Amino acid sequence: MNIFKRIISILKARPRLSIIVGVLAVIVLIVIFTGGADKTITFVEVKKGTISQEVNVTGKTVPNSDVSLGFERSGKITKVNVSVGNKVSANQALASIDSSELYAQLLQAQAELESEQAQYNEIKNGARVEEIAVYETELNNAETNLLEKINDAYTKADDAIHNDIDIIFSNAKTANPKINIVITDPQLKTDLENMRLATESNLNDWKNLSTSLSITKKLEKTSIYLSQIKIFLDKLAIAVNNTTNETYKANVSLARTKVNSASQNLSSAESSFSLATKNLNLKKSGSTTEGLASAEAQVKRAEASIKLIQSQLGKTVLYSPIAGTVTKIDAKKGEIAQAGSPLINIISDSSLEIEAYVPEVDVAKISLLNPVNITFDALGEENFTGKVIYIEPAETAIDGVTNFKIKVGLEKTEPRLKSGLTANLTILTITKENVLVVPQFAVIENDKGTFVKKYKQTVALDAKVSTEDKNLEEVEIKTGIYSDNGMVEVISGLSEGDAVANIGLKTN
């Protein structure tokens, strides 16, 4: 490697060193040009010794873990358990979103699993005539109960709309209902008025459901009407919560409670009816290989459904994957969190790392676990040690120059260190012991190769020889690593004890 490229690389990495080198260069130039009359040189001895190759760069301390967290599903934020600056532990709950609907689904799925398991057991064990009669009675009772809950759902919904909600509207039962509160969002206002109009139509249709409809058809239509009314009330709650009218708020809350109660009662009755229907069908079908396999498959399906809901429930709570400090929070109770949107940032409390960028001329020298000597501008000349723990495979262009990012891990945790401190790194890439070395100033590098000048005869190291002496001859050598203290490894071309010309630093 050309010595001048090495010097430029080092000076780029160590700006303070460049000032010192500049001063020394001026002194050397003065010595060279003012000593032009001296045409003599002395010699240096080729010796065996230890040589190390180093790469010098600067970097910054960074946390070895820095995470930005968000929910995997959308929902209304119900809790934020931490503040900026709080210390958190791994797996600590940071925030949560509304999970009431999922819990209801879980209860229903668990009930369905119990039902499927019971049916499986019944098929496996077979049924008697008396048992079938019992299950027929249970189905009749479940059907009666379900019909009562369907009628009750209409009664509660009608009461909620006409007795609790209509106070918020003018002309509520007409074709042109108008909401009585000021809403800055025109689209929300239009939606609420249109939904009130649709609700009146639904209630009329619901009330006049034909008695000839099957109970499953009645259940289907009732579920649709209830769902639409719940959506209307949820949207209306958003509008009234932005007002100061406590009566409106209380009425909307009461209406939602009535409708939710009706929905829960209906869901429970539906589950009982479904269970009774399945139980009877299984009892009548008898125990067959195909029936047993089908029932077993239904049990497994119900079990999978529970696991899926439980997984979704787990996503309603945001947990910290690391122990650390909260640095940013963009979550507030009552807001709607969007899936995947970053809400909370945490940096780890474990030891810091150092990130640095190495010029392309030096990156090939560096390997993982190379030892590193470190100083920090903030801590004066105090020395620390570390190792190279990461070398990025892809390049990074900085000011048009190709560099490669590396990370250095500290050998010991240092509590005084903070993120963002400037670190001066000396990376020890290669160390060779008991090898031939000469000073760099005795080495000539040109387009023809790498050479030193030797005297053809035996000569003392302090002998003064003219630079024009014909006994001086160029000897081609093969070099190895170059150290930052001015030494070069000689792989071939010289022997221990050889005297080579001191061509770079001459003495009188």
Protein backbone atom coordinates (compact mmCIF):
# COMPACT_ATOMS: atom_id res chain seq x y z
CA MET A 1 0.00 0.00 0.00
CA ASN A 2 1.28 3.49 -0.88
CA ILE A 3 2.54 5.29 2.21
CA PHE A 4 0.92 8.55 1.19
CA LYS A 5 -2.53 6.94 1.02
CA ARG A 6 -2.00 5.58 4.53
CA ILE A 7 -1.03 9.00 5.85
CA ILE A 8 -4.05 10.68 4.23
CA SER A 9 -6.38 8.00 5.65
CA ILE A 10 -5.03 8.48 9.18
CA LEU A 11 -5.17 12.28 9.01
CA LYS A 12 -8.80 12.21 7.85
CA ALA A 13 -9.74 10.09 10.83
CA ARG A 14 -7.73 12.11 13.40
CA PRO A 15 -8.06 15.85 12.68
CA ARG A 16 -5.98 16.80 15.73
CA LEU A 17 -3.17 14.55 14.51
CA SER A 18 -3.16 16.34 11.14
CA ILE A 19 -2.12 19.60 12.83
CA ILE A 20 0.86 17.90 14.53
CA VAL A 21 1.89 16.14 11.32
CA GLY A 22 1.66 19.41 9.39
CA VAL A 23 4.05 21.09 11.78
CA LEU A 24 6.47 18.17 11.61
CA ALA A 25 6.28 18.17 7.81
CA VAL A 26 7.29 21.83 7.72
CA ILE A 27 10.25 21.09 10.02
CA VAL A 28 11.34 18.15 7.85
CA LEU A 29 11.10 20.24 4.68
CA ILE A 30 13.19 22.96 6.27
CA VAL A 31 15.80 20.41 7.28
CA ILE A 32 15.85 18.87 3.81
CA PHE A 33 16.00 22.08 1.81
CA THR A 34 18.38 23.93 4.12
CA GLY A 35 20.71 20.92 4.19
CA GLY A 36 21.02 20.66 0.41
CA ALA A 37 24.77 20.95 0.54
CA ASP A 38 25.05 17.70 2.50
CA LYS A 39 25.27 14.80 0.02
CA THR A 40 26.08 12.05 2.52
CA ILE A 41 23.95 9.36 4.14
CA THR A 42 24.32 6.90 7.01
CA PHE A 43 22.80 3.46 7.49
CA VAL A 44 20.20 1.67 9.62
CA GLU A 45 20.24 -1.99 10.62
CA VAL A 46 17.61 -4.54 9.59
CA LYS A 47 16.36 -6.02 12.84
CA LYS A 48 13.82 -8.52 14.07
CA GLY A 49 11.02 -7.18 16.22
CA THR A 50 7.28 -6.83 16.77
CA ILE A 51 5.19 -4.71 14.42
CA SER A 52 1.53 -3.77 14.62
CA GLN A 53 -0.79 -2.31 12.01
CA GLU A 54 -3.43 0.12 13.21
CA VAL A 55 -6.43 1.93 11.76
CA ASN A 56 -7.42 5.23 13.38
CA VAL A 57 -10.95 6.61 13.07
CA THR A 58 -13.43 8.64 15.11
CA GLY A 59 -16.96 7.63 16.02
CA LYS A 60 -19.94 8.30 18.28
CA THR A 61 -21.41 6.37 21.19
CA VAL A 62 -24.87 4.94 20.49
CA PRO A 63 -27.23 2.67 22.46
CA ASN A 64 -26.81 -0.98 21.46
CA SER A 65 -30.61 -1.24 21.33
CA ASP A 66 -33.02 1.49 20.23
CA VAL A 67 -36.61 0.46 19.55
CA SER A 68 -39.66 2.27 18.24
CA LEU A 69 -42.88 0.51 19.26
CA GLY A 70 -46.46 0.55 17.99
CA PHE A 71 -49.57 -1.62 18.17
CA GLU A 72 -50.08 -4.38 15.61
CA ARG A 73 -53.79 -3.58 15.44
CA SER A 74 -55.80 -0.37 15.50
CA GLY A 75 -57.93 0.65 18.46
CA LYS A 76 -58.75 3.27 21.07
CA ILE A 77 -55.95 3.77 23.59
CA THR A 78 -57.24 2.97 27.11
CA LYS A 79 -54.02 3.21 29.12
CA VAL A 80 -50.57 4.79 28.87
CA ASN A 81 -48.50 3.49 31.79
CA VAL A 82 -45.23 5.39 31.28
CA SER A 83 -43.86 8.89 30.71
CA VAL A 84 -40.79 10.22 28.94
CA GLY A 85 -37.72 9.55 31.08
CA ASN A 86 -39.22 6.54 32.90
CA LYS A 87 -37.08 3.45 33.35
CA VAL A 88 -38.80 0.29 32.09
CA SER A 89 -37.98 -3.40 32.37
CA ALA A 90 -38.16 -6.03 29.65
CA ASN A 91 -41.75 -7.24 29.03
CA GLN A 92 -43.22 -4.32 31.02
CA ALA A 93 -46.66 -3.18 29.78
CA LEU A 94 -46.36 0.33 28.33
CA ALA A 95 -49.83 1.03 26.91
CA SER A 96 -53.01 -0.76 25.89
CA ILE A 97 -55.96 -0.38 23.55
CA ASP A 98 -59.60 -1.35 24.03
CA SER A 99 -59.98 -5.14 24.17
CA SER A 100 -63.60 -5.51 25.33
CA GLU A 101 -64.83 -6.78 21.99
CA LEU A 102 -62.08 -9.38 21.82
CA TYR A 103 -62.85 -10.56 25.36
CA ALA A 104 -66.48 -11.04 24.35
CA GLN A 105 -65.32 -13.03 21.32
CA LEU A 106 -63.08 -15.11 23.56
CA LEU A 107 -65.97 -15.96 25.89
CA GLN A 108 -68.08 -16.95 22.91
CA ALA A 109 -65.24 -19.05 21.45
CA GLN A 110 -64.73 -20.79 24.79
CA ALA A 111 -68.42 -21.57 24.99
CA GLU A 112 -68.29 -22.92 21.45
CA LEU A 113 -65.35 -25.14 22.37
CA GLU A 114 -67.30 -26.53 25.31
CA SER A 115 -70.19 -27.17 22.97
CA GLU A 116 -68.04 -28.90 20.38
CA GLN A 117 -66.34 -30.99 23.04
CA ALA A 118 -69.69 -32.01 24.48
CA GLN A 119 -70.95 -32.97 21.03
CA TYR A 120 -67.83 -34.99 20.38
CA ASN A 121 -68.32 -36.87 23.65
CA GLU A 122 -71.97 -37.48 22.86
CA ILE A 123 -71.17 -38.88 19.42
CA LYS A 124 -68.44 -41.05 20.84
CA ASN A 125 -70.75 -42.43 23.54
CA GLY A 126 -73.89 -42.73 21.40
CA ALA A 127 -77.45 -41.74 22.43
CA ARG A 128 -80.66 -43.37 23.69
CA VAL A 129 -84.26 -42.45 22.84
CA GLU A 130 -84.70 -40.93 26.28
CA GLU A 131 -81.63 -38.79 25.78
CA ILE A 132 -82.89 -37.55 22.44
CA ALA A 133 -86.16 -36.50 24.09
CA VAL A 134 -84.21 -34.57 26.70
CA TYR A 135 -82.22 -32.76 24.01
CA GLU A 136 -85.38 -31.95 22.07
CA THR A 137 -86.77 -30.33 25.20
CA GLU A 138 -83.57 -28.36 25.68
CA LEU A 139 -83.73 -27.15 22.10
CA ASN A 140 -87.35 -26.03 22.52
CA ASN A 141 -86.43 -24.12 25.67
CA ALA A 142 -83.40 -22.56 23.96
CA GLU A 143 -85.55 -21.52 21.00
CA THR A 144 -88.13 -19.94 23.30
CA ASN A 145 -85.42 -18.09 25.17
CA LEU A 146 -83.83 -16.90 21.93
CA LEU A 147 -87.15 -15.58 20.65
CA GLU A 148 -87.62 -13.70 23.94
CA LYS A 149 -84.17 -12.14 23.59
CA ILE A 150 -84.91 -11.14 19.99
CA ASN A 151 -88.06 -9.35 21.14
CA ASP A 152 -86.23 -7.88 24.13
CA ALA A 153 -83.48 -6.57 21.84
CA TYR A 154 -86.04 -4.67 19.80
CA THR A 155 -87.66 -3.26 22.95
CA LYS A 156 -84.32 -2.05 24.36
CA ALA A 157 -83.19 -0.58 21.03
CA ASP A 158 -86.51 1.22 20.51
CA ASP A 159 -86.36 2.58 24.06
CA ALA A 160 -82.76 3.73 23.62
CA ILE A 161 -83.46 5.60 20.39
CA HIS A 162 -86.85 7.14 21.09
CA ASN A 163 -86.49 7.87 24.81
CA ASP A 164 -82.77 8.63 25.13
CA ILE A 165 -81.42 9.76 21.77
CA ASP A 166 -84.27 11.67 20.15
CA ILE A 167 -83.78 14.56 22.59
CA ILE A 168 -80.56 15.30 20.68
CA PHE A 169 -82.41 15.60 17.33
CA SER A 170 -85.16 17.78 15.92
CA ASN A 171 -87.74 16.07 13.72
CA ALA A 172 -86.16 12.79 14.77
CA LYS A 173 -88.85 10.52 13.38
CA THR A 174 -89.30 12.41 10.11
CA ALA A 175 -87.52 12.17 6.81
CA ASN A 176 -85.37 15.17 7.73
CA PRO A 177 -83.90 14.75 11.24
CA LYS A 178 -81.52 17.51 12.43
CA ILE A 179 -78.99 17.15 15.22
CA ASN A 180 -79.21 19.81 17.96
CA ILE A 181 -75.53 20.22 18.73
CA VAL A 182 -72.82 22.17 16.95
CA ILE A 183 -70.48 19.86 15.04
CA THR A 184 -67.46 21.39 13.34
CA ASP A 185 -66.99 18.36 11.10
CA PRO A 186 -69.67 18.68 8.38
CA GLN A 187 -69.22 15.07 7.26
CA LEU A 188 -69.82 13.78 10.80
CA LYS A 189 -72.96 15.91 11.07
CA THR A 190 -74.29 14.58 7.76
CA ASP A 191 -73.45 10.99 8.72
CA LEU A 192 -75.28 11.24 12.06
CA GLU A 193 -78.42 12.73 10.54
CA ASN A 194 -78.48 10.09 7.78
CA MET A 195 -77.89 7.34 10.33
CA ARG A 196 -80.79 8.61 12.48
CA LEU A 197 -83.04 8.48 9.44
CA ALA A 198 -81.87 4.92 8.63
CA THR A 199 -82.34 3.87 12.27
CA GLU A 200 -85.99 4.89 12.22
CA SER A 201 -86.51 2.81 9.08
CA ASN A 202 -84.73 -0.17 10.64
CA LEU A 203 -86.83 0.02 13.81
CA ASN A 204 -90.03 0.02 11.76
CA ASP A 205 -88.87 -2.97 9.71
CA TRP A 206 -87.69 -4.73 12.86
CA LYS A 207 -91.02 -4.19 14.60
CA ASN A 208 -92.92 -5.63 11.70
CA LEU A 209 -90.86 -8.76 11.14
CA SER A 210 -93.12 -11.45 9.75
CA THR A 211 -94.14 -14.12 12.20
CA SER A 212 -93.63 -16.64 9.41
CA LEU A 213 -89.88 -16.05 9.42
CA SER A 214 -87.76 -18.82 10.91
CA ILE A 215 -86.07 -18.07 14.18
CA THR A 216 -82.64 -18.15 12.51
CA LYS A 217 -83.79 -15.54 9.97
CA LYS A 218 -85.19 -13.37 12.74
CA LEU A 219 -81.91 -13.72 14.59
CA GLU A 220 -79.95 -12.71 11.50
CA LYS A 221 -82.02 -9.57 10.91
CA THR A 222 -81.99 -8.65 14.61
CA SER A 223 -78.21 -8.93 14.71
CA ILE A 224 -77.91 -6.64 11.68
CA TYR A 225 -80.25 -4.02 13.17
CA LEU A 226 -78.43 -4.11 16.52
CA SER A 227 -75.05 -3.76 14.87
CA GLN A 228 -76.15 -0.72 12.84
CA ILE A 229 -77.62 0.95 15.92
CA LYS A 230 -74.40 0.31 17.89
CA ILE A 231 -72.37 1.96 15.13
CA PHE A 232 -74.74 4.95 15.17
CA LEU A 233 -74.49 5.32 18.95
CA ASP A 234 -70.68 4.99 18.94
CA LYS A 235 -70.40 7.75 16.38
CA LEU A 236 -72.90 9.91 18.24
CA ALA A 237 -70.87 9.46 21.44
CA ILE A 238 -67.86 11.04 19.72
CA ALA A 239 -69.94 14.08 18.80
CA VAL A 240 -71.58 14.65 22.20
CA ASN A 241 -68.37 14.08 24.13
CA ASN A 242 -67.04 17.25 22.51
CA THR A 243 -69.92 19.28 23.96
CA THR A 244 -70.63 20.55 27.46
CA ASN A 245 -74.18 19.19 27.52
CA GLU A 246 -74.07 16.62 30.31
CA THR A 247 -77.66 15.51 29.63
CA TYR A 248 -76.76 14.52 26.08
CA LYS A 249 -73.70 12.68 27.28
CA ALA A 250 -75.65 10.80 29.94
CA ASN A 251 -78.42 9.88 27.49
CA VAL A 252 -75.99 8.54 24.89
CA SER A 253 -74.17 6.54 27.56
CA LEU A 254 -77.46 5.08 28.82
CA ALA A 255 -78.57 4.21 25.28
CA ARG A 256 -75.32 2.43 24.55
CA THR A 257 -75.63 0.47 27.78
CA LYS A 258 -79.14 -0.70 26.82
CA VAL A 259 -78.11 -1.73 23.33
CA ASN A 260 -74.93 -3.48 24.53
CA SER A 261 -76.94 -5.34 27.14
CA ALA A 262 -79.40 -6.48 24.51
CA SER A 263 -76.55 -7.58 22.26
CA GLN A 264 -74.90 -9.60 25.01
CA ASN A 265 -78.16 -11.25 26.01
CA LEU A 266 -78.87 -12.09 22.39
CA SER A 267 -75.38 -13.53 21.91
CA SER A 268 -75.76 -15.73 24.98
CA ALA A 269 -79.18 -16.98 23.88
CA GLU A 270 -77.84 -17.63 20.38
CA SER A 271 -74.98 -19.71 21.81
CA SER A 272 -77.43 -21.74 23.89
CA PHE A 273 -79.70 -22.29 20.91
CA SER A 274 -76.77 -23.29 18.70
CA LEU A 275 -75.50 -25.68 21.35
CA ALA A 276 -78.92 -27.26 21.83
CA THR A 277 -79.35 -27.65 18.05
CA LYS A 278 -75.98 -29.31 17.62
CA ASN A 279 -76.50 -31.57 20.61
CA LEU A 280 -79.80 -32.82 19.26
CA ASN A 281 -78.46 -33.35 15.74
CA LEU A 282 -75.54 -35.30 17.07
CA LYS A 283 -77.75 -37.43 19.24
CA LYS A 284 -79.98 -38.22 16.28
CA SER A 285 -77.11 -38.93 13.91
CA GLY A 286 -75.63 -41.59 16.12
CA SER A 287 -72.00 -42.50 16.47
CA THR A 288 -70.21 -43.16 13.16
CA THR A 289 -66.57 -43.06 12.16
CA GLU A 290 -67.23 -40.11 9.88
CA GLY A 291 -69.34 -38.32 12.48
CA LEU A 292 -66.74 -38.82 15.17
CA ALA A 293 -63.95 -37.51 12.90
CA SER A 294 -66.08 -34.50 11.99
CA ALA A 295 -66.83 -33.73 15.63
CA GLU A 296 -63.15 -34.03 16.51
CA ALA A 297 -62.29 -31.61 13.70
CA GLN A 298 -64.85 -29.14 15.07
CA VAL A 299 -63.20 -29.34 18.50
CA LYS A 300 -59.82 -28.56 16.97
CA ARG A 301 -61.31 -25.68 14.98
CA ALA A 302 -62.80 -24.22 18.15
CA GLU A 303 -59.46 -24.58 19.94
CA ALA A 304 -57.70 -22.80 17.08
CA SER A 305 -60.27 -20.02 17.21
CA ILE A 306 -59.52 -19.46 20.91
CA LYS A 307 -55.78 -19.34 20.26
CA LEU A 308 -56.30 -16.81 17.49
CA ILE A 309 -58.38 -14.53 19.71
CA GLN A 310 -55.88 -14.89 22.54
CA SER A 311 -53.15 -13.88 20.12
CA GLN A 312 -55.17 -10.83 19.10
CA LEU A 313 -55.71 -9.97 22.77
CA GLY A 314 -51.97 -10.06 23.28
CA LYS A 315 -51.64 -7.40 20.59
CA THR A 316 -53.84 -4.98 22.54
CA VAL A 317 -51.05 -4.44 25.08
CA LEU A 318 -47.74 -2.85 24.08
CA TYR A 319 -44.80 -4.44 25.91
CA SER A 320 -41.20 -3.25 26.08
CA PRO A 321 -38.87 -5.83 24.49
CA ILE A 322 -35.86 -4.41 26.38
CA ALA A 323 -34.91 -2.82 29.68
CA GLY A 324 -34.26 0.86 29.08
CA THR A 325 -35.45 4.45 29.21
CA VAL A 326 -38.49 5.94 27.49
CA THR A 327 -37.34 8.75 25.17
CA LYS A 328 -40.53 9.59 23.25
CA ILE A 329 -44.30 9.05 23.59
CA ASP A 330 -46.90 9.86 20.93
CA ALA A 331 -49.81 8.09 22.65
CA LYS A 332 -52.65 9.64 24.67
CA LYS A 333 -55.59 7.97 26.38
CA GLY A 334 -58.69 8.18 24.23
CA GLU A 335 -56.86 8.55 20.93
CA ILE A 336 -57.19 6.02 18.13
CA ALA A 337 -53.93 4.16 17.55
CA GLN A 338 -53.29 3.09 13.99
CA ALA A 339 -51.74 -0.33 13.38
CA GLY A 340 -48.01 -0.08 12.82
CA SER A 341 -47.76 3.60 13.76
CA PRO A 342 -44.74 4.20 16.09
CA LEU A 343 -45.92 5.52 19.48
CA ILE A 344 -43.19 4.90 22.08
CA ASN A 345 -39.39 4.96 21.71
CA ILE A 346 -37.01 3.25 24.17
CA ILE A 347 -33.22 3.14 24.33
CA SER A 348 -31.56 0.30 26.18
CA ASP A 349 -29.93 0.64 29.59
CA SER A 350 -27.21 -1.85 28.71
CA SER A 351 -23.70 -0.77 27.72
CA LEU A 352 -23.24 1.63 24.82
CA GLU A 353 -21.64 0.81 21.49
CA ILE A 354 -19.50 3.01 19.27
CA GLU A 355 -20.38 3.57 15.63
CA ALA A 356 -17.66 4.72 13.27
CA TYR A 357 -17.04 4.93 9.53
CA VAL A 358 -13.83 3.46 8.06
CA PRO A 359 -12.46 4.63 4.67
CA GLU A 360 -12.47 1.98 1.96
CA VAL A 361 -8.65 1.97 1.87
CA ASP A 362 -8.59 0.64 5.45
CA VAL A 363 -11.71 -1.51 5.79
CA ALA A 364 -10.08 -4.65 4.35
CA LYS A 365 -7.57 -4.60 7.22
CA ILE A 366 -10.25 -4.82 9.89
CA SER A 367 -11.75 -8.09 11.15
CA LEU A 368 -14.32 -8.95 13.77
CA LEU A 369 -12.96 -9.05 17.33
CA ASN A 370 -9.96 -6.85 16.48
CA PRO A 371 -8.91 -5.15 19.75
CA VAL A 372 -9.52 -1.39 19.95
CA ASN A 373 -7.97 1.30 22.14
CA ILE A 374 -10.43 4.10 22.84
CA THR A 375 -10.37 7.64 24.20
CA PHE A 376 -13.30 10.01 24.55
CA ASP A 377 -13.09 13.76 24.09
CA ALA A 378 -15.37 14.16 27.10
CA LEU A 379 -13.07 12.10 29.36
CA GLY A 380 -9.68 13.51 28.42
CA GLU A 381 -6.80 11.09 27.82
CA GLU A 382 -8.29 8.23 29.86
CA ASN A 383 -7.94 4.98 27.91
CA PHE A 384 -10.61 2.33 27.35
CA THR A 385 -10.58 -0.95 25.47
CA GLY A 386 -13.05 -2.70 23.20
CA LYS A 387 -13.46 -5.02 20.22
CA VAL A 388 -14.85 -4.71 16.72
CA ILE A 389 -18.25 -6.44 16.89
CA TYR A 390 -19.80 -5.54 13.52
CA ILE A 391 -18.65 -4.59 10.02
CA GLU A 392 -21.39 -3.49 7.65
CA PRO A 393 -21.13 -5.31 4.29
CA ALA A 394 -22.52 -2.41 2.24
CA GLU A 395 -20.74 0.89 1.72
CA THR A 396 -21.93 4.31 2.88
CA ALA A 397 -21.08 7.47 0.93
CA ILE A 398 -20.11 10.40 3.16
CA ASP A 399 -19.34 13.67 1.33
CA GLY A 400 -18.76 11.64 -1.81
CA VAL A 401 -16.21 9.34 -0.13
CA THR A 402 -16.87 5.61 0.24
CA ASN A 403 -16.85 4.41 3.84
CA PHE A 404 -17.97 1.33 5.73
CA LYS A 405 -19.77 1.44 9.08
CA ILE A 406 -18.35 -0.57 11.97
CA LYS A 407 -19.45 -1.03 15.57
CA VAL A 408 -17.14 -1.35 18.55
CA GLY A 409 -18.24 -2.88 21.87
CA LEU A 410 -16.64 -1.71 25.11
CA GLU A 411 -14.91 -4.32 27.26
CA LYS A 412 -16.42 -2.89 30.44
CA THR A 413 -19.55 -0.87 31.20
CA GLU A 414 -18.72 2.77 31.92
CA PRO A 415 -21.57 4.68 33.69
CA ARG A 416 -20.04 8.06 32.82
CA LEU A 417 -20.61 7.54 29.11
CA LYS A 418 -23.64 9.05 27.39
CA SER A 419 -25.10 8.53 23.96
CA GLY A 420 -23.58 10.82 21.33
CA LEU A 421 -20.03 11.23 22.75
CA THR A 422 -17.11 11.50 20.34
CA ALA A 423 -14.78 8.47 20.52
CA ASN A 424 -11.25 8.22 19.11
CA LEU A 425 -10.54 4.65 18.01
CA THR A 426 -7.22 2.95 17.39
CA ILE A 427 -8.00 -0.45 15.88
CA LEU A 428 -5.18 -2.98 16.19
CA THR A 429 -5.67 -5.04 13.05
CA ILE A 430 -2.52 -7.18 12.87
CA THR A 431 0.42 -7.85 15.21
CA LYS A 432 3.46 -9.87 14.07
CA GLU A 433 6.31 -10.90 16.33
CA ASN A 434 9.92 -11.79 15.48
CA VAL A 435 9.78 -10.44 11.93
CA LEU A 436 12.28 -8.31 9.99
CA VAL A 437 11.53 -4.59 10.20
CA VAL A 438 13.08 -1.41 8.83
CA PRO A 439 12.08 2.26 9.18
CA GLN A 440 9.72 3.50 6.48
CA PHE A 441 12.16 6.29 5.59
CA ALA A 442 14.62 3.65 4.36
CA VAL A 443 12.11 2.27 1.85
CA ILE A 444 11.76 3.57 -1.72
CA GLU A 445 8.40 3.01 -3.46
CA ASN A 446 7.96 3.84 -7.14
CA ASP A 447 6.33 2.50 -10.27
CA LYS A 448 8.99 -0.20 -10.60
CA GLY A 449 8.43 -1.66 -7.14
CA THR A 450 9.67 -1.39 -3.55
CA PHE A 451 13.40 -1.02 -2.86
CA VAL A 452 16.07 -0.20 -0.31
CA LYS A 453 19.64 0.90 -0.94
CA LYS A 454 22.44 -1.37 0.33
CA TYR A 455 26.18 -0.91 0.28
CA LYS A 456 27.96 -3.62 -1.71
CA GLN A 457 30.66 -3.90 0.95
CA THR A 458 30.54 -4.18 4.72
CA VAL A 459 29.86 -0.75 6.21
CA ALA A 460 29.39 0.68 9.70
CA LEU A 461 25.97 2.08 10.56
CA ASP A 462 27.42 5.51 11.38
CA ALA A 463 29.64 5.63 8.30
CA LYS A 464 29.00 8.61 6.04
CA VAL A 465 28.71 7.68 2.40
CA SER A 466 28.11 9.97 -0.54
CA THR A 467 24.78 9.61 -2.22
CA GLU A 468 26.73 9.31 -5.49
CA ASP A 469 28.83 6.39 -4.23
CA LYS A 470 28.79 3.63 -6.88
CA ASN A 471 28.80 0.92 -4.20
CA LEU A 472 25.20 1.87 -3.33
CA GLU A 473 22.77 -0.45 -5.09
CA GLU A 474 19.00 -0.76 -5.08
CA VAL A 475 17.68 -4.07 -3.70
CA GLU A 476 14.07 -4.99 -4.38
CA ILE A 477 12.17 -6.14 -1.31
CA LYS A 478 8.72 -7.46 -0.51
CA THR A 479 6.98 -5.67 2.34
CA GLY A 480 4.24 -6.73 4.68
CA ILE A 481 2.37 -4.49 7.10
CA TYR A 482 3.11 -0.85 7.85
CA SER A 483 2.84 0.41 11.41
CA ASP A 484 1.78 3.84 12.50
CA ASN A 485 5.08 4.33 14.33
CA GLY A 486 7.03 4.39 11.07
CA MET A 487 8.19 0.77 10.70
CA VAL A 488 7.72 -1.64 7.78
CA GLU A 489 7.73 -5.44 7.79
CA VAL A 490 10.21 -6.96 5.31
CA ILE A 491 9.05 -10.32 4.00
CA SER A 492 11.89 -10.97 1.54
CA GLY A 493 14.96 -9.32 0.04
CA LEU A 494 16.86 -8.59 3.26
CA SER A 495 18.40 -10.50 6.15
CA GLU A 496 18.74 -9.69 9.82
CA GLY A 497 21.79 -7.45 10.40
CA ASP A 498 21.82 -5.96 6.89
CA ALA A 499 22.64 -2.25 6.73
CA VAL A 500 20.40 -0.18 4.47
CA ALA A 501 20.75 3.44 3.51
CA ASN A 502 19.10 6.03 5.72
CA ILE A 503 17.69 7.91 2.74
CA GLY A 504 14.82 9.67 4.49
CA LEU A 505 16.52 11.15 7.55
CA LYS A 506 20.12 12.11 6.90
CA THR A 507 22.72 13.04 9.54
CA ASN A 508 25.81 15.22 9.19
